[in-house]
Amino acid sequence: MPGLPLPILYSFRRCPYAMRARLAIAASGQACELREVALRDKPQAMLDVSPKATVPVLITGNSQVLEQSLDIMLWALAQNDPHEWLAPTQPGMDAMLELIAECDGPFKHHLDRYKYPQRHADSQGSGHHRDEAAFWLSRLDARLQRQPFLFGAHAALADMAIAPFVRQFAHVDREWFQAMPWPGLQAWLQAWQESELMALIMEKHAPWAPGAAGVRFPA
């Protein structure tokens, strides 16, 4: 009996949501067909299965459609979790999901208004939102000064789900970020950015065109 087709992942290289999905897929060893999306020319094949029109979108081998990045991470790690991202050295899954929700909610709200003030009619200004986001990052730094990762001795789901968004924040003004008194956070982010896994998921690919073969990922 033939095996199921490879899952299809619609992705965009620099999108932090798509980055976290690729991180988990690569870490799990689950191969997929990667289709890089040009955000100004989204393929109709993606829109047909996911009208929300944002990446990432995963179509599993049995045609299940996953439209949320965290769902894709959990799906991949349910297939295989060799690095124990779902088993941090500090309990536990509920606490990790709560921290990720803070990242995706209040932190992302302030990050967007700091990074893209022109897109948001907001009288408080980007400086206010930078400071609000920085308050949350200072809490992460406090954790990371006590231990190498957010939930203990090894990287786990929370680290990999949150790091792409901290990277995005840091890149808005790198000198400002490096000048902050966040040695734990800065070392954690730098180590992640210099990791082999990060290099693997950030390889550049041409946008996918209908009828073309996708790229096997991880390579």
N, C-alpha and C. Protein backbone atom coordinates (compact mmCIF):
# COMPACT_ATOMS: atom_id res chain seq x y z
N MET A 1 0.86 -1.20 0.00
CA MET A 1 0.00 0.00 0.00
C MET A 1 0.89 1.24 0.00
N PRO A 2 0.70 2.13 -0.95
CA PRO A 2 1.55 3.31 -1.01
C PRO A 2 1.38 4.18 0.21
N GLY A 3 2.46 4.86 0.57
CA GLY A 3 2.40 5.76 1.72
C GLY A 3 1.64 7.04 1.40
N LEU A 4 1.35 7.78 2.44
CA LEU A 4 0.67 9.06 2.25
C LEU A 4 1.60 10.05 1.57
N PRO A 5 1.06 11.00 0.82
CA PRO A 5 1.91 12.03 0.21
C PRO A 5 2.54 12.90 1.29
N LEU A 6 3.61 13.57 0.93
CA LEU A 6 4.25 14.48 1.88
C LEU A 6 3.28 15.59 2.27
N PRO A 7 3.29 15.98 3.53
CA PRO A 7 2.55 17.19 3.90
C PRO A 7 3.06 18.39 3.09
N ILE A 8 2.18 19.35 2.88
CA ILE A 8 2.53 20.58 2.14
C ILE A 8 2.50 21.74 3.13
N LEU A 9 3.59 22.49 3.17
CA LEU A 9 3.67 23.65 4.06
C LEU A 9 3.80 24.91 3.23
N TYR A 10 2.80 25.79 3.30
CA TYR A 10 2.90 27.12 2.73
C TYR A 10 3.56 28.02 3.77
N SER A 11 4.63 28.70 3.36
CA SER A 11 5.46 29.40 4.33
C SER A 11 6.00 30.69 3.71
N PHE A 12 6.53 31.55 4.57
CA PHE A 12 7.23 32.75 4.14
C PHE A 12 8.45 32.88 5.04
N ARG A 13 9.61 32.99 4.45
CA ARG A 13 10.87 32.84 5.16
C ARG A 13 10.97 33.70 6.41
N ARG A 14 10.59 34.97 6.36
CA ARG A 14 10.83 35.88 7.48
C ARG A 14 9.66 35.99 8.45
N CYS A 15 8.54 35.38 8.14
CA CYS A 15 7.38 35.47 9.03
C CYS A 15 7.66 34.69 10.32
N PRO A 16 7.55 35.31 11.48
CA PRO A 16 7.86 34.58 12.71
C PRO A 16 6.92 33.41 12.98
N TYR A 17 5.67 33.52 12.55
CA TYR A 17 4.76 32.39 12.71
C TYR A 17 5.21 31.22 11.84
N ALA A 18 5.59 31.51 10.61
CA ALA A 18 6.07 30.44 9.73
C ALA A 18 7.40 29.89 10.21
N MET A 19 8.23 30.75 10.79
CA MET A 19 9.51 30.29 11.32
C MET A 19 9.30 29.26 12.42
N ARG A 20 8.38 29.53 13.33
CA ARG A 20 8.17 28.58 14.43
C ARG A 20 7.64 27.25 13.91
N ALA A 21 6.81 27.30 12.87
CA ALA A 21 6.31 26.05 12.28
C ALA A 21 7.46 25.26 11.66
N ARG A 22 8.33 25.93 10.91
CA ARG A 22 9.46 25.24 10.29
C ARG A 22 10.42 24.69 11.34
N LEU A 23 10.60 25.43 12.43
CA LEU A 23 11.47 24.94 13.50
C LEU A 23 11.00 23.58 14.01
N ALA A 24 9.72 23.47 14.29
CA ALA A 24 9.21 22.22 14.84
C ALA A 24 9.25 21.09 13.82
N ILE A 25 8.91 21.41 12.58
CA ILE A 25 8.95 20.38 11.53
C ILE A 25 10.37 19.87 11.35
N ALA A 26 11.33 20.79 11.28
CA ALA A 26 12.72 20.38 11.12
C ALA A 26 13.21 19.58 12.31
N ALA A 27 12.87 20.02 13.52
CA ALA A 27 13.32 19.31 14.72
C ALA A 27 12.71 17.92 14.81
N SER A 28 11.49 17.77 14.33
CA SER A 28 10.82 16.48 14.41
C SER A 28 11.35 15.48 13.39
N GLY A 29 12.00 16.00 12.34
CA GLY A 29 12.45 15.12 11.27
C GLY A 29 11.35 14.76 10.29
N GLN A 30 10.19 15.40 10.43
CA GLN A 30 9.06 15.16 9.54
C GLN A 30 9.29 15.91 8.23
N ALA A 31 9.46 15.20 7.15
CA ALA A 31 9.66 15.85 5.86
C ALA A 31 8.34 16.42 5.34
N CYS A 32 8.44 17.50 4.58
CA CYS A 32 7.26 18.08 3.95
C CYS A 32 7.66 18.73 2.64
N GLU A 33 6.68 19.10 1.87
CA GLU A 33 6.91 19.89 0.65
C GLU A 33 6.73 21.35 1.02
N LEU A 34 7.81 22.10 0.96
CA LEU A 34 7.77 23.52 1.32
C LEU A 34 7.42 24.35 0.09
N ARG A 35 6.41 25.18 0.24
CA ARG A 35 6.02 26.10 -0.83
C ARG A 35 6.17 27.52 -0.30
N GLU A 36 7.24 28.17 -0.72
CA GLU A 36 7.48 29.55 -0.31
C GLU A 36 6.45 30.46 -0.98
N VAL A 37 5.86 31.35 -0.19
CA VAL A 37 4.78 32.21 -0.68
C VAL A 37 5.28 33.64 -0.85
N ALA A 38 4.97 34.24 -1.99
CA ALA A 38 5.17 35.67 -2.18
C ALA A 38 3.91 36.36 -1.63
N LEU A 39 4.04 37.15 -0.58
CA LEU A 39 2.87 37.66 0.12
C LEU A 39 2.02 38.58 -0.75
N ARG A 40 2.61 39.18 -1.76
CA ARG A 40 1.83 40.04 -2.66
C ARG A 40 1.16 39.27 -3.79
N ASP A 41 1.47 37.99 -3.89
CA ASP A 41 0.90 37.18 -4.96
C ASP A 41 0.67 35.78 -4.40
N LYS A 42 -0.27 35.68 -3.47
CA LYS A 42 -0.51 34.41 -2.79
C LYS A 42 -1.14 33.40 -3.75
N PRO A 43 -0.64 32.18 -3.73
CA PRO A 43 -1.16 31.19 -4.68
C PRO A 43 -2.60 30.81 -4.38
N GLN A 44 -3.37 30.64 -5.44
CA GLN A 44 -4.78 30.29 -5.28
C GLN A 44 -4.93 28.96 -4.57
N ALA A 45 -3.97 28.06 -4.77
CA ALA A 45 -4.06 26.75 -4.13
C ALA A 45 -4.05 26.88 -2.62
N MET A 46 -3.31 27.85 -2.10
CA MET A 46 -3.31 28.09 -0.65
C MET A 46 -4.63 28.71 -0.21
N LEU A 47 -5.10 29.68 -0.98
CA LEU A 47 -6.34 30.36 -0.61
C LEU A 47 -7.54 29.41 -0.66
N ASP A 48 -7.48 28.43 -1.54
CA ASP A 48 -8.58 27.48 -1.65
C ASP A 48 -8.73 26.64 -0.39
N VAL A 49 -7.62 26.31 0.23
CA VAL A 49 -7.70 25.47 1.44
C VAL A 49 -7.72 26.31 2.71
N SER A 50 -7.29 27.57 2.62
CA SER A 50 -7.21 28.41 3.82
C SER A 50 -7.56 29.85 3.46
N PRO A 51 -8.85 30.19 3.49
CA PRO A 51 -9.26 31.55 3.12
C PRO A 51 -8.70 32.64 4.02
N LYS A 52 -8.15 32.30 5.18
CA LYS A 52 -7.56 33.33 6.03
C LYS A 52 -6.38 34.01 5.35
N ALA A 53 -5.76 33.35 4.38
CA ALA A 53 -4.77 33.95 3.49
C ALA A 53 -3.50 34.40 4.19
N THR A 54 -3.15 33.75 5.29
CA THR A 54 -1.89 34.04 5.96
C THR A 54 -1.11 32.74 6.15
N VAL A 55 0.20 32.88 6.20
CA VAL A 55 1.05 31.72 6.45
C VAL A 55 1.34 31.63 7.95
N PRO A 56 1.67 30.43 8.41
CA PRO A 56 1.80 29.18 7.66
C PRO A 56 0.47 28.45 7.53
N VAL A 57 0.43 27.59 6.53
CA VAL A 57 -0.68 26.64 6.37
C VAL A 57 -0.05 25.29 6.08
N LEU A 58 -0.49 24.27 6.79
CA LEU A 58 0.01 22.91 6.55
C LEU A 58 -1.14 22.02 6.13
N ILE A 59 -0.93 21.28 5.05
CA ILE A 59 -1.87 20.25 4.62
C ILE A 59 -1.19 18.92 4.89
N THR A 60 -1.70 18.16 5.84
CA THR A 60 -1.07 16.91 6.21
C THR A 60 -1.26 15.87 5.11
N GLY A 61 -0.56 14.76 5.25
CA GLY A 61 -0.66 13.70 4.24
C GLY A 61 -2.05 13.12 4.11
N ASN A 62 -2.87 13.23 5.16
CA ASN A 62 -4.26 12.75 5.07
C ASN A 62 -5.24 13.90 4.85
N SER A 63 -4.73 15.03 4.34
CA SER A 63 -5.53 16.18 3.89
C SER A 63 -6.12 17.02 5.00
N GLN A 64 -5.67 16.85 6.22
CA GLN A 64 -6.07 17.75 7.30
C GLN A 64 -5.37 19.10 7.09
N VAL A 65 -6.10 20.20 7.28
CA VAL A 65 -5.55 21.54 7.10
C VAL A 65 -5.33 22.17 8.47
N LEU A 66 -4.08 22.56 8.74
CA LEU A 66 -3.73 23.25 9.98
C LEU A 66 -3.35 24.68 9.63
N GLU A 67 -4.07 25.64 10.21
CA GLU A 67 -3.89 27.04 9.84
C GLU A 67 -3.20 27.88 10.91
N GLN A 68 -2.94 27.31 12.07
CA GLN A 68 -2.31 28.06 13.15
C GLN A 68 -0.92 27.50 13.41
N SER A 69 0.03 28.40 13.58
CA SER A 69 1.43 27.98 13.70
C SER A 69 1.65 27.07 14.90
N LEU A 70 1.02 27.36 16.02
CA LEU A 70 1.21 26.53 17.20
C LEU A 70 0.62 25.14 16.98
N ASP A 71 -0.50 25.05 16.27
CA ASP A 71 -1.07 23.74 15.95
C ASP A 71 -0.11 22.94 15.08
N ILE A 72 0.57 23.62 14.15
CA ILE A 72 1.53 22.93 13.30
C ILE A 72 2.71 22.43 14.13
N MET A 73 3.18 23.26 15.06
CA MET A 73 4.27 22.82 15.94
C MET A 73 3.86 21.57 16.72
N LEU A 74 2.69 21.60 17.31
CA LEU A 74 2.24 20.47 18.14
C LEU A 74 2.01 19.23 17.28
N TRP A 75 1.51 19.41 16.07
CA TRP A 75 1.33 18.28 15.17
C TRP A 75 2.68 17.64 14.84
N ALA A 76 3.67 18.45 14.49
CA ALA A 76 4.98 17.91 14.12
C ALA A 76 5.61 17.18 15.29
N LEU A 77 5.54 17.77 16.47
CA LEU A 77 6.17 17.16 17.64
C LEU A 77 5.42 15.93 18.12
N ALA A 78 4.15 15.83 17.79
CA ALA A 78 3.40 14.61 18.10
C ALA A 78 3.88 13.44 17.23
N GLN A 79 4.41 13.75 16.03
CA GLN A 79 4.98 12.70 15.19
C GLN A 79 6.29 12.19 15.78
N ASN A 80 7.10 13.14 16.26
CA ASN A 80 8.41 12.79 16.80
C ASN A 80 8.95 13.99 17.54
N ASP A 81 9.45 13.77 18.74
CA ASP A 81 9.96 14.86 19.58
C ASP A 81 11.33 14.47 20.14
N PRO A 82 12.33 14.33 19.27
CA PRO A 82 13.62 13.80 19.72
C PRO A 82 14.35 14.70 20.71
N HIS A 83 14.06 16.00 20.68
CA HIS A 83 14.74 16.93 21.58
C HIS A 83 13.91 17.26 22.82
N GLU A 84 12.78 16.58 22.97
CA GLU A 84 11.91 16.71 24.14
C GLU A 84 11.43 18.15 24.34
N TRP A 85 11.00 18.76 23.24
CA TRP A 85 10.44 20.11 23.34
C TRP A 85 9.12 20.11 24.12
N LEU A 86 8.45 18.99 24.13
CA LEU A 86 7.19 18.90 24.87
C LEU A 86 7.39 18.41 26.30
N ALA A 87 8.64 18.19 26.67
CA ALA A 87 8.95 17.70 28.01
C ALA A 87 10.06 18.55 28.62
N PRO A 88 9.76 19.80 28.98
CA PRO A 88 10.79 20.66 29.57
C PRO A 88 11.24 20.13 30.92
N THR A 89 12.40 20.57 31.34
CA THR A 89 12.91 20.10 32.64
C THR A 89 12.19 20.74 33.80
N GLN A 90 11.44 21.79 33.54
CA GLN A 90 10.56 22.38 34.55
C GLN A 90 9.12 22.19 34.08
N PRO A 91 8.21 21.82 34.95
CA PRO A 91 6.81 21.68 34.54
C PRO A 91 6.28 23.05 34.14
N GLY A 92 5.39 23.04 33.20
CA GLY A 92 5.05 21.91 32.37
C GLY A 92 4.38 22.52 31.14
N MET A 93 3.58 21.72 30.46
CA MET A 93 2.97 22.15 29.21
C MET A 93 2.02 23.33 29.38
N ASP A 94 1.21 23.31 30.43
CA ASP A 94 0.28 24.42 30.63
C ASP A 94 1.01 25.74 30.82
N ALA A 95 2.11 25.72 31.56
CA ALA A 95 2.88 26.94 31.79
C ALA A 95 3.52 27.43 30.50
N MET A 96 4.00 26.50 29.68
CA MET A 96 4.58 26.90 28.39
C MET A 96 3.52 27.53 27.50
N LEU A 97 2.36 26.92 27.42
CA LEU A 97 1.30 27.46 26.57
C LEU A 97 0.84 28.83 27.07
N GLU A 98 0.85 29.02 28.37
CA GLU A 98 0.48 30.32 28.92
C GLU A 98 1.49 31.40 28.53
N LEU A 99 2.78 31.07 28.58
CA LEU A 99 3.80 32.04 28.19
C LEU A 99 3.73 32.34 26.70
N ILE A 100 3.48 31.31 25.90
CA ILE A 100 3.33 31.52 24.45
C ILE A 100 2.12 32.41 24.17
N ALA A 101 1.05 32.23 24.91
CA ALA A 101 -0.14 33.07 24.73
C ALA A 101 0.16 34.52 25.06
N GLU A 102 1.00 34.76 26.07
CA GLU A 102 1.41 36.14 26.37
C GLU A 102 2.20 36.73 25.22
N CYS A 103 3.06 35.92 24.61
CA CYS A 103 3.82 36.38 23.45
C CYS A 103 2.90 36.72 22.29
N ASP A 104 1.98 35.82 21.99
CA ASP A 104 1.11 35.99 20.83
C ASP A 104 0.04 37.05 21.05
N GLY A 105 -0.23 37.37 22.31
CA GLY A 105 -1.25 38.37 22.62
C GLY A 105 -0.66 39.72 22.93
N PRO A 106 -0.46 40.06 24.21
CA PRO A 106 0.00 41.41 24.56
C PRO A 106 1.35 41.78 23.94
N PHE A 107 2.32 40.87 23.97
CA PHE A 107 3.63 41.22 23.42
C PHE A 107 3.54 41.51 21.92
N LYS A 108 2.86 40.65 21.18
CA LYS A 108 2.73 40.86 19.73
C LYS A 108 1.97 42.15 19.44
N HIS A 109 0.98 42.48 20.25
CA HIS A 109 0.26 43.74 20.08
C HIS A 109 1.22 44.92 20.13
N HIS A 110 2.07 44.95 21.13
CA HIS A 110 3.01 46.07 21.27
C HIS A 110 4.13 45.99 20.22
N LEU A 111 4.57 44.79 19.90
CA LEU A 111 5.60 44.63 18.88
C LEU A 111 5.14 45.21 17.55
N ASP A 112 3.93 44.89 17.13
CA ASP A 112 3.43 45.40 15.85
C ASP A 112 3.40 46.92 15.82
N ARG A 113 3.00 47.53 16.91
CA ARG A 113 2.89 48.99 16.96
C ARG A 113 4.23 49.69 17.15
N TYR A 114 5.20 48.96 17.63
CA TYR A 114 6.58 49.46 17.69
C TYR A 114 7.26 49.33 16.33
N LYS A 115 7.10 48.19 15.69
CA LYS A 115 7.77 47.93 14.42
C LYS A 115 7.10 48.65 13.24
N TYR A 116 5.76 48.73 13.28
CA TYR A 116 5.01 49.28 12.15
C TYR A 116 4.10 50.41 12.61
N PRO A 117 4.62 51.51 13.17
CA PRO A 117 3.74 52.56 13.67
C PRO A 117 2.87 53.18 12.57
N GLN A 118 3.37 53.15 11.33
CA GLN A 118 2.61 53.75 10.23
C GLN A 118 1.36 52.95 9.90
N ARG A 119 1.30 51.71 10.33
CA ARG A 119 0.13 50.88 10.04
C ARG A 119 -0.96 51.00 11.10
N HIS A 120 -0.64 51.63 12.21
CA HIS A 120 -1.56 51.65 13.33
C HIS A 120 -1.83 53.09 13.78
N ALA A 121 -3.08 53.51 13.72
CA ALA A 121 -3.45 54.83 14.22
C ALA A 121 -3.45 54.76 15.74
N ASP A 122 -2.41 55.31 16.36
CA ASP A 122 -2.22 55.13 17.79
C ASP A 122 -1.56 56.38 18.36
N SER A 123 -2.25 57.06 19.24
CA SER A 123 -1.74 58.30 19.79
C SER A 123 -0.62 58.06 20.81
N GLN A 124 -0.44 56.83 21.25
CA GLN A 124 0.57 56.56 22.28
C GLN A 124 1.98 56.52 21.73
N GLY A 125 2.14 56.24 20.44
CA GLY A 125 3.44 56.29 19.81
C GLY A 125 4.23 55.00 19.96
N SER A 126 5.19 54.81 19.04
CA SER A 126 5.95 53.56 19.02
C SER A 126 6.82 53.41 20.26
N GLY A 127 7.28 54.54 20.84
CA GLY A 127 8.11 54.45 22.03
C GLY A 127 7.36 53.83 23.20
N HIS A 128 6.09 54.18 23.33
CA HIS A 128 5.27 53.58 24.39
C HIS A 128 5.18 52.08 24.21
N HIS A 129 4.94 51.65 22.98
CA HIS A 129 4.77 50.22 22.72
C HIS A 129 6.09 49.48 22.87
N ARG A 130 7.20 50.13 22.50
CA ARG A 130 8.50 49.51 22.74
C ARG A 130 8.70 49.27 24.23
N ASP A 131 8.36 50.25 25.05
CA ASP A 131 8.56 50.12 26.49
C ASP A 131 7.66 49.06 27.10
N GLU A 132 6.42 48.96 26.60
CA GLU A 132 5.52 47.94 27.11
C GLU A 132 6.02 46.54 26.74
N ALA A 133 6.49 46.40 25.50
CA ALA A 133 7.05 45.11 25.09
C ALA A 133 8.32 44.80 25.88
N ALA A 134 9.11 45.83 26.16
CA ALA A 134 10.36 45.64 26.89
C ALA A 134 10.10 45.14 28.31
N PHE A 135 9.00 45.57 28.90
CA PHE A 135 8.68 45.10 30.25
C PHE A 135 8.50 43.59 30.26
N TRP A 136 7.82 43.07 29.25
CA TRP A 136 7.64 41.62 29.16
C TRP A 136 8.97 40.92 28.88
N LEU A 137 9.79 41.51 28.02
CA LEU A 137 11.09 40.91 27.72
C LEU A 137 11.99 40.88 28.96
N SER A 138 11.85 41.87 29.82
CA SER A 138 12.65 41.87 31.04
C SER A 138 12.29 40.68 31.92
N ARG A 139 11.04 40.23 31.86
CA ARG A 139 10.63 39.04 32.61
C ARG A 139 11.29 37.79 32.02
N LEU A 140 11.37 37.74 30.69
CA LEU A 140 12.08 36.61 30.08
C LEU A 140 13.55 36.63 30.47
N ASP A 141 14.15 37.82 30.47
CA ASP A 141 15.56 37.91 30.85
C ASP A 141 15.78 37.42 32.28
N ALA A 142 14.87 37.75 33.18
CA ALA A 142 15.01 37.28 34.56
C ALA A 142 15.03 35.76 34.62
N ARG A 143 14.18 35.11 33.83
CA ARG A 143 14.20 33.64 33.76
C ARG A 143 15.55 33.15 33.23
N LEU A 144 16.01 33.81 32.16
CA LEU A 144 17.18 33.32 31.43
C LEU A 144 18.49 33.67 32.13
N GLN A 145 18.44 34.52 33.13
CA GLN A 145 19.63 34.72 33.96
C GLN A 145 19.75 33.61 35.00
N ARG A 146 18.67 32.90 35.26
CA ARG A 146 18.69 31.81 36.24
C ARG A 146 18.97 30.46 35.59
N GLN A 147 18.68 30.34 34.30
CA GLN A 147 18.77 29.05 33.62
C GLN A 147 18.96 29.30 32.13
N PRO A 148 19.48 28.33 31.39
CA PRO A 148 19.80 28.59 29.98
C PRO A 148 18.60 28.72 29.06
N PHE A 149 17.48 28.13 29.44
CA PHE A 149 16.29 28.18 28.59
C PHE A 149 15.07 28.55 29.43
N LEU A 150 13.98 28.87 28.76
CA LEU A 150 12.83 29.43 29.47
C LEU A 150 12.24 28.46 30.48
N PHE A 151 12.33 27.17 30.21
CA PHE A 151 11.77 26.20 31.13
C PHE A 151 12.80 25.16 31.57
N GLY A 152 14.02 25.63 31.77
CA GLY A 152 15.00 24.74 32.38
C GLY A 152 16.26 24.54 31.59
N ALA A 153 16.75 23.31 31.60
CA ALA A 153 18.11 23.03 31.12
C ALA A 153 18.21 22.81 29.62
N HIS A 154 17.08 22.59 28.95
CA HIS A 154 17.16 22.40 27.50
C HIS A 154 16.04 23.18 26.82
N ALA A 155 16.26 23.47 25.54
CA ALA A 155 15.25 24.19 24.76
C ALA A 155 13.96 23.40 24.70
N ALA A 156 12.85 24.10 24.72
CA ALA A 156 11.55 23.44 24.69
C ALA A 156 10.60 24.25 23.80
N LEU A 157 9.36 23.82 23.77
CA LEU A 157 8.37 24.44 22.88
C LEU A 157 8.32 25.95 23.05
N ALA A 158 8.33 26.42 24.29
CA ALA A 158 8.20 27.86 24.53
C ALA A 158 9.36 28.63 23.93
N ASP A 159 10.57 28.13 24.07
CA ASP A 159 11.73 28.81 23.49
C ASP A 159 11.56 28.98 21.98
N MET A 160 11.17 27.91 21.32
CA MET A 160 11.12 27.91 19.87
C MET A 160 9.90 28.65 19.33
N ALA A 161 8.84 28.72 20.12
CA ALA A 161 7.67 29.48 19.69
C ALA A 161 7.85 30.98 19.89
N ILE A 162 8.65 31.36 20.88
CA ILE A 162 8.80 32.78 21.25
C ILE A 162 10.00 33.42 20.57
N ALA A 163 11.07 32.68 20.37
CA ALA A 163 12.30 33.26 19.84
C ALA A 163 12.11 34.04 18.53
N PRO A 164 11.32 33.56 17.56
CA PRO A 164 11.17 34.34 16.33
C PRO A 164 10.60 35.74 16.55
N PHE A 165 9.78 35.90 17.57
CA PHE A 165 9.19 37.21 17.84
C PHE A 165 10.16 38.12 18.59
N VAL A 166 10.97 37.53 19.46
CA VAL A 166 12.02 38.32 20.12
C VAL A 166 13.03 38.77 19.06
N ARG A 167 13.35 37.91 18.13
CA ARG A 167 14.24 38.28 17.02
C ARG A 167 13.67 39.47 16.26
N GLN A 168 12.38 39.42 15.96
CA GLN A 168 11.75 40.51 15.22
C GLN A 168 11.84 41.82 16.00
N PHE A 169 11.59 41.75 17.29
CA PHE A 169 11.70 42.94 18.14
C PHE A 169 13.13 43.47 18.13
N ALA A 170 14.10 42.59 18.31
CA ALA A 170 15.50 43.00 18.38
C ALA A 170 15.96 43.68 17.09
N HIS A 171 15.44 43.25 15.97
CA HIS A 171 15.90 43.76 14.68
C HIS A 171 15.33 45.14 14.35
N VAL A 172 14.35 45.60 15.10
CA VAL A 172 13.83 46.95 14.85
C VAL A 172 14.92 47.98 15.13
N ASP A 173 15.60 47.83 16.24
CA ASP A 173 16.71 48.73 16.61
C ASP A 173 17.73 47.88 17.37
N ARG A 174 18.66 47.32 16.63
CA ARG A 174 19.59 46.36 17.22
C ARG A 174 20.48 47.00 18.27
N GLU A 175 20.92 48.22 18.03
CA GLU A 175 21.79 48.88 19.00
C GLU A 175 21.05 49.11 20.32
N TRP A 176 19.80 49.53 20.25
CA TRP A 176 19.00 49.74 21.46
C TRP A 176 18.82 48.42 22.21
N PHE A 177 18.49 47.36 21.45
CA PHE A 177 18.28 46.06 22.08
C PHE A 177 19.55 45.59 22.79
N GLN A 178 20.70 45.72 22.14
CA GLN A 178 21.95 45.25 22.73
C GLN A 178 22.38 46.10 23.92
N ALA A 179 21.91 47.35 23.97
CA ALA A 179 22.27 48.22 25.09
C ALA A 179 21.43 47.98 26.33
N MET A 180 20.35 47.20 26.20
CA MET A 180 19.49 46.94 27.35
C MET A 180 20.17 45.97 28.31
N PRO A 181 19.86 46.07 29.61
CA PRO A 181 20.49 45.19 30.61
C PRO A 181 19.82 43.82 30.65
N TRP A 182 19.95 43.10 29.53
CA TRP A 182 19.29 41.81 29.38
C TRP A 182 20.31 40.74 28.99
N PRO A 183 21.30 40.45 29.79
CA PRO A 183 22.32 39.50 29.37
C PRO A 183 21.79 38.10 29.11
N GLY A 184 20.83 37.67 29.92
CA GLY A 184 20.27 36.34 29.71
C GLY A 184 19.52 36.24 28.40
N LEU A 185 18.67 37.21 28.14
CA LEU A 185 17.87 37.22 26.91
C LEU A 185 18.75 37.38 25.68
N GLN A 186 19.71 38.25 25.76
CA GLN A 186 20.59 38.48 24.61
C GLN A 186 21.41 37.25 24.26
N ALA A 187 21.95 36.57 25.28
CA ALA A 187 22.74 35.36 25.03
C ALA A 187 21.86 34.24 24.48
N TRP A 188 20.65 34.10 25.02
CA TRP A 188 19.69 33.10 24.53
C TRP A 188 19.34 33.34 23.08
N LEU A 189 19.05 34.59 22.73
CA LEU A 189 18.68 34.90 21.35
C LEU A 189 19.86 34.69 20.41
N GLN A 190 21.03 35.11 20.81
CA GLN A 190 22.21 34.95 19.95
C GLN A 190 22.50 33.47 19.70
N ALA A 191 22.43 32.66 20.75
CA ALA A 191 22.69 31.23 20.57
C ALA A 191 21.69 30.60 19.62
N TRP A 192 20.43 31.00 19.74
CA TRP A 192 19.40 30.47 18.84
C TRP A 192 19.65 30.92 17.40
N GLN A 193 20.00 32.18 17.23
CA GLN A 193 20.20 32.70 15.87
C GLN A 193 21.42 32.06 15.20
N GLU A 194 22.38 31.60 15.99
CA GLU A 194 23.59 31.01 15.44
C GLU A 194 23.52 29.48 15.38
N SER A 195 22.38 28.91 15.70
CA SER A 195 22.25 27.46 15.75
C SER A 195 22.13 26.85 14.35
N GLU A 196 22.47 25.57 14.26
CA GLU A 196 22.33 24.85 13.00
C GLU A 196 20.87 24.77 12.58
N LEU A 197 19.99 24.63 13.55
CA LEU A 197 18.56 24.56 13.23
C LEU A 197 18.07 25.85 12.61
N MET A 198 18.52 26.97 13.14
CA MET A 198 18.12 28.26 12.58
C MET A 198 18.65 28.41 11.15
N ALA A 199 19.89 28.01 10.93
CA ALA A 199 20.44 28.09 9.58
C ALA A 199 19.63 27.23 8.61
N LEU A 200 19.20 26.08 9.07
CA LEU A 200 18.43 25.18 8.21
C LEU A 200 17.09 25.79 7.82
N ILE A 201 16.38 26.38 8.77
CA ILE A 201 15.03 26.87 8.46
C ILE A 201 15.05 28.20 7.71
N MET A 202 16.22 28.89 7.69
CA MET A 202 16.30 30.19 7.04
C MET A 202 16.94 30.13 5.66
N GLU A 203 17.11 28.94 5.12
CA GLU A 203 17.58 28.84 3.74
C GLU A 203 16.59 29.54 2.81
N LYS A 204 17.12 30.20 1.79
CA LYS A 204 16.27 30.95 0.86
C LYS A 204 15.76 30.05 -0.26
N HIS A 205 14.50 30.26 -0.61
CA HIS A 205 13.88 29.51 -1.70
C HIS A 205 13.06 30.47 -2.55
N ALA A 206 13.03 30.22 -3.83
CA ALA A 206 12.22 31.03 -4.73
C ALA A 206 10.75 30.78 -4.45
N PRO A 207 9.89 31.79 -4.67
CA PRO A 207 8.45 31.57 -4.48
C PRO A 207 7.94 30.41 -5.33
N TRP A 208 7.06 29.64 -4.75
CA TRP A 208 6.46 28.51 -5.45
C TRP A 208 5.48 29.01 -6.51
N ALA A 209 5.48 28.34 -7.65
CA ALA A 209 4.52 28.66 -8.72
C ALA A 209 3.63 27.46 -8.95
N PRO A 210 2.35 27.69 -9.22
CA PRO A 210 1.44 26.57 -9.48
C PRO A 210 1.98 25.65 -10.57
N GLY A 211 1.92 24.37 -10.32
CA GLY A 211 2.42 23.39 -11.27
C GLY A 211 3.87 23.00 -11.04
N ALA A 212 4.58 23.82 -10.25
CA ALA A 212 5.98 23.52 -9.96
C ALA A 212 6.07 22.59 -8.76
N ALA A 213 7.17 21.88 -8.69
CA ALA A 213 7.41 21.04 -7.53
C ALA A 213 7.86 21.90 -6.37
N GLY A 214 7.37 21.59 -5.20
CA GLY A 214 7.86 22.28 -4.02
C GLY A 214 9.23 21.78 -3.63
N VAL A 215 9.80 22.40 -2.61
CA VAL A 215 11.12 22.03 -2.11
C VAL A 215 10.93 21.03 -0.97
N ARG A 216 11.71 19.97 -0.96
CA ARG A 216 11.65 19.05 0.17
C ARG A 216 12.28 19.72 1.38
N PHE A 217 11.55 19.72 2.48
CA PHE A 217 12.03 20.37 3.70
C PHE A 217 11.79 19.43 4.87
N PRO A 218 12.78 19.27 5.78
CA PRO A 218 14.14 19.82 5.64
C PRO A 218 14.90 19.12 4.53
N ALA A 219 15.88 19.81 3.99
CA ALA A 219 16.62 19.29 2.84
C ALA A 219 17.32 18.00 3.23
